[in-house]
């Protein structure tokens, strides 16, 4: 009885080890999701800006933050123009196709989300700019104090007056 248990455990461990060392199976073409062809009216720059080229993120990370914001703003502007065109086409067509309506709703949601994301990016860039300016002012004041101390002058005494409290 124990010999059978030992053989079973050995076979399981061997099979598990062999399975762990084998390469991952490649997905069959039938298992891959279908590729949805984009609307022919949508420009390729808008589609590539939406993330079709996922490897382009490393190239975008190398751009300065201001340039990234400008690029994001121009792409967002292009998407607004495209959305206006889609609204005009949908309003002018006599047949109210549910697919066109759904496509328009998705674009509206996407553009609204990207507008919010852009505003967050602008706010973040402004905050980083303020932090950098504050650090530069602190460094300037520190270097001025060090220069005065090296020259033998006493740094100016801090103000002893009490600042007025704001009314609540």
C-alpha atoms as a PDB file:
ATOM      1  CA  UNK A   1       0.000   0.000   0.000  1.00  0.00           C
ATOM      2  CA  UNK A   2       2.711   2.479   0.900  1.00  0.00           C
ATOM      3  CA  UNK A   3       4.574   1.659  -2.315  1.00  0.00           C
ATOM      4  CA  UNK A   4       1.550   2.747  -4.369  1.00  0.00           C
ATOM      5  CA  UNK A   5       1.251   6.020  -2.414  1.00  0.00           C
ATOM      6  CA  UNK A   6       4.944   6.784  -2.879  1.00  0.00           C
ATOM      7  CA  UNK A   7       4.710   6.069  -6.635  1.00  0.00           C
ATOM      8  CA  UNK A   8       1.620   8.259  -6.977  1.00  0.00           C
ATOM      9  CA  UNK A   9       3.240  11.170  -5.151  1.00  0.00           C
ATOM     10  CA  UNK A  10       6.401  10.800  -7.237  1.00  0.00           C
ATOM     11  CA  UNK A  11       4.400  10.802 -10.465  1.00  0.00           C
ATOM     12  CA  UNK A  12       2.419  13.876  -9.372  1.00  0.00           C
ATOM     13  CA  UNK A  13       5.564  15.779  -8.435  1.00  0.00           C
ATOM     14  CA  UNK A  14       7.259  14.818 -11.688  1.00  0.00           C
ATOM     15  CA  UNK A  15       4.235  15.814 -13.756  1.00  0.00           C
ATOM     16  CA  UNK A  16       3.909  19.119 -11.885  1.00  0.00           C
ATOM     17  CA  UNK A  17       7.594  19.893 -12.389  1.00  0.00           C
ATOM     18  CA  UNK A  18       7.421  19.083 -16.083  1.00  0.00           C
ATOM     19  CA  UNK A  19       4.281  21.169 -16.498  1.00  0.00           C
ATOM     20  CA  UNK A  20       5.869  24.135 -14.695  1.00  0.00           C
ATOM     21  CA  UNK A  21       8.909  24.047 -16.963  1.00  0.00           C
ATOM     22  CA  UNK A  22       7.007  23.796 -20.236  1.00  0.00           C
ATOM     23  CA  UNK A  23       6.395  27.018 -22.215  1.00  0.00           C
ATOM     24  CA  UNK A  24       2.984  28.635 -22.138  1.00  0.00           C
ATOM     25  CA  UNK A  25       0.688  27.451 -24.900  1.00  0.00           C
ATOM     26  CA  UNK A  26       0.085  29.887 -27.716  1.00  0.00           C
ATOM     27  CA  UNK A  27      -3.540  30.904 -28.160  1.00  0.00           C
ATOM     28  CA  UNK A  28      -5.277  29.514 -31.177  1.00  0.00           C
ATOM     29  CA  UNK A  29      -6.537  31.995 -33.798  1.00  0.00           C
ATOM     30  CA  UNK A  30     -10.107  31.066 -32.896  1.00  0.00           C
ATOM     31  CA  UNK A  31      -9.483  32.033 -29.249  1.00  0.00           C
ATOM     32  CA  UNK A  32      -8.264  35.548 -30.031  1.00  0.00           C
ATOM     33  CA  UNK A  33     -10.919  38.254 -29.806  1.00  0.00           C
ATOM     34  CA  UNK A  34     -12.143  39.692 -33.075  1.00  0.00           C
ATOM     35  CA  UNK A  35     -10.659  42.989 -34.184  1.00  0.00           C
ATOM     36  CA  UNK A  36     -13.290  45.650 -34.648  1.00  0.00           C
ATOM     37  CA  UNK A  37     -12.579  47.759 -37.667  1.00  0.00           C
ATOM     38  CA  UNK A  38     -12.822  51.462 -36.863  1.00  0.00           C
ATOM     39  CA  UNK A  39     -15.230  53.864 -38.460  1.00  0.00           C
ATOM     40  CA  UNK A  40     -13.668  55.057 -41.756  1.00  0.00           C
ATOM     41  CA  UNK A  41     -14.510  58.652 -40.799  1.00  0.00           C
ATOM     42  CA  UNK A  42     -12.295  58.553 -37.706  1.00  0.00           C
ATOM     43  CA  UNK A  43      -8.807  59.844 -38.268  1.00  0.00           C
ATOM     44  CA  UNK A  44      -5.896  57.537 -37.502  1.00  0.00           C
ATOM     45  CA  UNK A  45      -4.275  60.079 -35.221  1.00  0.00           C
ATOM     46  CA  UNK A  46      -7.314  59.995 -32.955  1.00  0.00           C
ATOM     47  CA  UNK A  47      -7.317  56.192 -32.900  1.00  0.00           C
ATOM     48  CA  UNK A  48      -3.599  55.961 -32.158  1.00  0.00           C
ATOM     49  CA  UNK A  49      -4.063  58.529 -29.409  1.00  0.00           C
ATOM     50  CA  UNK A  50      -6.636  56.269 -27.803  1.00  0.00           C
ATOM     51  CA  UNK A  51      -4.090  53.565 -27.112  1.00  0.00           C
ATOM     52  CA  UNK A  52      -3.903  51.334 -30.168  1.00  0.00           C
ATOM     53  CA  UNK A  53      -0.126  51.729 -30.057  1.00  0.00           C
ATOM     54  CA  UNK A  54       0.443  50.723 -26.457  1.00  0.00           C
ATOM     55  CA  UNK A  55       4.230  50.620 -26.876  1.00  0.00           C
ATOM     56  CA  UNK A  56       4.275  54.315 -27.707  1.00  0.00           C
ATOM     57  CA  UNK A  57       3.962  55.089 -23.974  1.00  0.00           C
ATOM     58  CA  UNK A  58       7.716  54.875 -23.496  1.00  0.00           C
ATOM     59  CA  UNK A  59       8.260  57.410 -26.271  1.00  0.00           C
ATOM     60  CA  UNK A  60       5.653  59.677 -24.715  1.00  0.00           C
ATOM     61  CA  UNK A  61       7.340  59.426 -21.311  1.00  0.00           C
ATOM     62  CA  UNK A  62      10.494  60.896 -22.846  1.00  0.00           C
ATOM     63  CA  UNK A  63       8.706  64.096 -23.843  1.00  0.00           C
ATOM     64  CA  UNK A  64       8.832  67.065 -21.483  1.00  0.00           C
ATOM     65  CA  UNK A  65       5.646  67.515 -19.422  1.00  0.00           C
ATOM     66  CA  UNK A  66       4.650  70.757 -21.171  1.00  0.00           C
ATOM     67  CA  UNK A  67       4.982  69.154 -24.581  1.00  0.00           C
ATOM     68  CA  UNK A  68       2.880  66.181 -23.433  1.00  0.00           C
ATOM     69  CA  UNK A  69       0.169  68.580 -22.260  1.00  0.00           C
ATOM     70  CA  UNK A  70       0.235  70.406 -25.584  1.00  0.00           C
ATOM     71  CA  UNK A  71       0.009  67.111 -27.464  1.00  0.00           C
ATOM     72  CA  UNK A  72      -2.846  65.949 -25.252  1.00  0.00           C
ATOM     73  CA  UNK A  73      -4.649  69.247 -25.779  1.00  0.00           C
ATOM     74  CA  UNK A  74      -4.297  69.053 -29.564  1.00  0.00           C
ATOM     75  CA  UNK A  75      -5.554  65.459 -29.659  1.00  0.00           C
ATOM     76  CA  UNK A  76      -8.441  66.358 -27.400  1.00  0.00           C
ATOM     77  CA  UNK A  77      -9.292  69.260 -29.685  1.00  0.00           C
ATOM     78  CA  UNK A  78      -9.269  66.872 -32.653  1.00  0.00           C
ATOM     79  CA  UNK A  79     -11.596  64.543 -30.782  1.00  0.00           C
ATOM     80  CA  UNK A  80     -13.984  67.436 -30.057  1.00  0.00           C
ATOM     81  CA  UNK A  81     -14.022  68.283 -33.767  1.00  0.00           C
ATOM     82  CA  UNK A  82     -14.670  64.633 -34.620  1.00  0.00           C
ATOM     83  CA  UNK A  83     -17.500  64.499 -32.069  1.00  0.00           C
ATOM     84  CA  UNK A  84     -19.105  67.607 -33.580  1.00  0.00           C
ATOM     85  CA  UNK A  85     -18.929  66.009 -37.024  1.00  0.00           C
ATOM     86  CA  UNK A  86     -20.486  62.810 -35.691  1.00  0.00           C
ATOM     87  CA  UNK A  87     -23.307  64.776 -34.037  1.00  0.00           C
ATOM     88  CA  UNK A  88     -23.972  66.659 -37.274  1.00  0.00           C
ATOM     89  CA  UNK A  89     -24.021  63.445 -39.312  1.00  0.00           C
ATOM     90  CA  UNK A  90     -26.329  61.768 -36.794  1.00  0.00           C
ATOM     91  CA  UNK A  91     -28.717  64.731 -36.743  1.00  0.00           C
ATOM     92  CA  UNK A  92     -28.797  65.040 -40.533  1.00  0.00           C
ATOM     93  CA  UNK A  93     -29.412  61.365 -41.273  1.00  0.00           C
ATOM     94  CA  UNK A  94     -33.115  60.519 -41.617  1.00  0.00           C
ATOM     95  CA  UNK A  95     -32.747  57.015 -40.172  1.00  0.00           C
ATOM     96  CA  UNK A  96     -31.922  56.916 -36.477  1.00  0.00           C
ATOM     97  CA  UNK A  97     -29.587  53.945 -36.400  1.00  0.00           C
ATOM     98  CA  UNK A  98     -29.166  52.582 -32.852  1.00  0.00           C
ATOM     99  CA  UNK A  99     -25.547  51.702 -33.598  1.00  0.00           C
ATOM    100  CA  UNK A 100     -24.748  55.264 -34.639  1.00  0.00           C
ATOM    101  CA  UNK A 101     -26.512  56.569 -31.545  1.00  0.00           C
ATOM    102  CA  UNK A 102     -24.561  54.180 -29.292  1.00  0.00           C
ATOM    103  CA  UNK A 103     -21.319  55.131 -31.031  1.00  0.00           C
ATOM    104  CA  UNK A 104     -22.068  58.799 -30.440  1.00  0.00           C
ATOM    105  CA  UNK A 105     -22.825  58.168 -26.754  1.00  0.00           C
ATOM    106  CA  UNK A 106     -19.559  56.271 -26.321  1.00  0.00           C
ATOM    107  CA  UNK A 107     -17.625  59.092 -27.970  1.00  0.00           C
ATOM    108  CA  UNK A 108     -19.319  61.660 -25.729  1.00  0.00           C
ATOM    109  CA  UNK A 109     -18.418  59.653 -22.637  1.00  0.00           C
ATOM    110  CA  UNK A 110     -14.854  59.201 -23.843  1.00  0.00           C
ATOM    111  CA  UNK A 111     -14.342  62.868 -24.666  1.00  0.00           C
ATOM    112  CA  UNK A 112     -15.858  63.941 -21.329  1.00  0.00           C
ATOM    113  CA  UNK A 113     -13.552  61.560 -19.488  1.00  0.00           C
ATOM    114  CA  UNK A 114     -10.514  62.797 -21.396  1.00  0.00           C
ATOM    115  CA  UNK A 115     -11.533  66.419 -20.704  1.00  0.00           C
ATOM    116  CA  UNK A 116     -11.497  65.658 -16.982  1.00  0.00           C
ATOM    117  CA  UNK A 117      -8.202  63.823 -17.315  1.00  0.00           C
ATOM    118  CA  UNK A 118      -6.696  66.785 -19.170  1.00  0.00           C
ATOM    119  CA  UNK A 119      -7.868  69.201 -16.451  1.00  0.00           C
ATOM    120  CA  UNK A 120      -6.244  66.962 -13.829  1.00  0.00           C
ATOM    121  CA  UNK A 121      -3.014  66.915 -15.825  1.00  0.00           C
ATOM    122  CA  UNK A 122      -3.062  70.722 -16.104  1.00  0.00           C
ATOM    123  CA  UNK A 123      -3.662  71.054 -12.361  1.00  0.00           C
ATOM    124  CA  UNK A 124      -0.857  68.603 -11.624  1.00  0.00           C
ATOM    125  CA  UNK A 125       1.531  70.490 -13.889  1.00  0.00           C
ATOM    126  CA  UNK A 126       0.598  73.782 -12.208  1.00  0.00           C
ATOM    127  CA  UNK A 127       1.169  72.269  -8.766  1.00  0.00           C
ATOM    128  CA  UNK A 128       4.566  70.914  -9.836  1.00  0.00           C
ATOM    129  CA  UNK A 129       5.443  74.340 -11.238  1.00  0.00           C
ATOM    130  CA  UNK A 130       4.540  76.004  -7.939  1.00  0.00           C
ATOM    131  CA  UNK A 131       6.608  73.435  -6.033  1.00  0.00           C
ATOM    132  CA  UNK A 132       9.596  74.055  -8.288  1.00  0.00           C
ATOM    133  CA  UNK A 133       9.302  77.827  -7.876  1.00  0.00           C
ATOM    134  CA  UNK A 134       8.979  77.494  -4.108  1.00  0.00           C
ATOM    135  CA  UNK A 135      12.055  75.269  -3.968  1.00  0.00           C
ATOM    136  CA  UNK A 136      13.993  77.752  -6.100  1.00  0.00           C
ATOM    137  CA  UNK A 137      13.022  80.601  -3.778  1.00  0.00           C
ATOM    138  CA  UNK A 138      14.060  78.580  -0.718  1.00  0.00           C
ATOM    139  CA  UNK A 139      17.371  77.707  -2.350  1.00  0.00           C
ATOM    140  CA  UNK A 140      17.943  81.337  -3.300  1.00  0.00           C
ATOM    141  CA  UNK A 141      17.199  82.513   0.247  1.00  0.00           C
ATOM    142  CA  UNK A 142      19.445  79.819   1.717  1.00  0.00           C
ATOM    143  CA  UNK A 143      22.350  80.657  -0.571  1.00  0.00           C
ATOM    144  CA  UNK A 144      21.883  84.369   0.234  1.00  0.00           C
ATOM    145  CA  UNK A 145      21.965  83.593   3.977  1.00  0.00           C
ATOM    146  CA  UNK A 146      25.078  81.461   3.548  1.00  0.00           C
ATOM    147  CA  UNK A 147      26.775  84.243   1.569  1.00  0.00           C
ATOM    148  CA  UNK A 148      25.903  86.812   4.250  1.00  0.00           C
ATOM    149  CA  UNK A 149      27.148  84.487   6.998  1.00  0.00           C
ATOM    150  CA  UNK A 150      30.381  83.964   5.104  1.00  0.00           C
ATOM    151  CA  UNK A 151      30.815  87.731   4.700  1.00  0.00           C
ATOM    152  CA  UNK A 152      30.450  88.142   8.468  1.00  0.00           C
ATOM    153  CA  UNK A 153      27.125  89.892   8.419  1.00  0.00           C
ATOM    154  CA  UNK A 154      24.398  88.765  10.728  1.00  0.00           C
ATOM    155  CA  UNK A 155      21.273  87.640   8.944  1.00  0.00           C
ATOM    156  CA  UNK A 156      18.303  89.930   9.453  1.00  0.00           C
ATOM    157  CA  UNK A 157      16.279  89.155  12.553  1.00  0.00           C
ATOM    158  CA  UNK A 158      12.850  87.720  11.934  1.00  0.00           C
ATOM    159  CA  UNK A 159       9.942  90.054  12.409  1.00  0.00           C
ATOM    160  CA  UNK A 160       8.546  90.041  15.914  1.00  0.00           C
ATOM    161  CA  UNK A 161       5.312  91.730  15.001  1.00  0.00           C
ATOM    162  CA  UNK A 162       2.219  89.596  15.055  1.00  0.00           C
ATOM    163  CA  UNK A 163       0.398  89.237  11.785  1.00  0.00           C
ATOM    164  CA  UNK A 164      -3.276  90.217  11.952  1.00  0.00           C
ATOM    165  CA  UNK A 165      -5.632  87.278  12.151  1.00  0.00           C
ATOM    166  CA  UNK A 166      -8.264  87.037   9.405  1.00  0.00           C
ATOM    167  CA  UNK A 167     -11.848  87.512  10.518  1.00  0.00           C
ATOM    168  CA  UNK A 168     -13.981  84.429  10.537  1.00  0.00           C
END
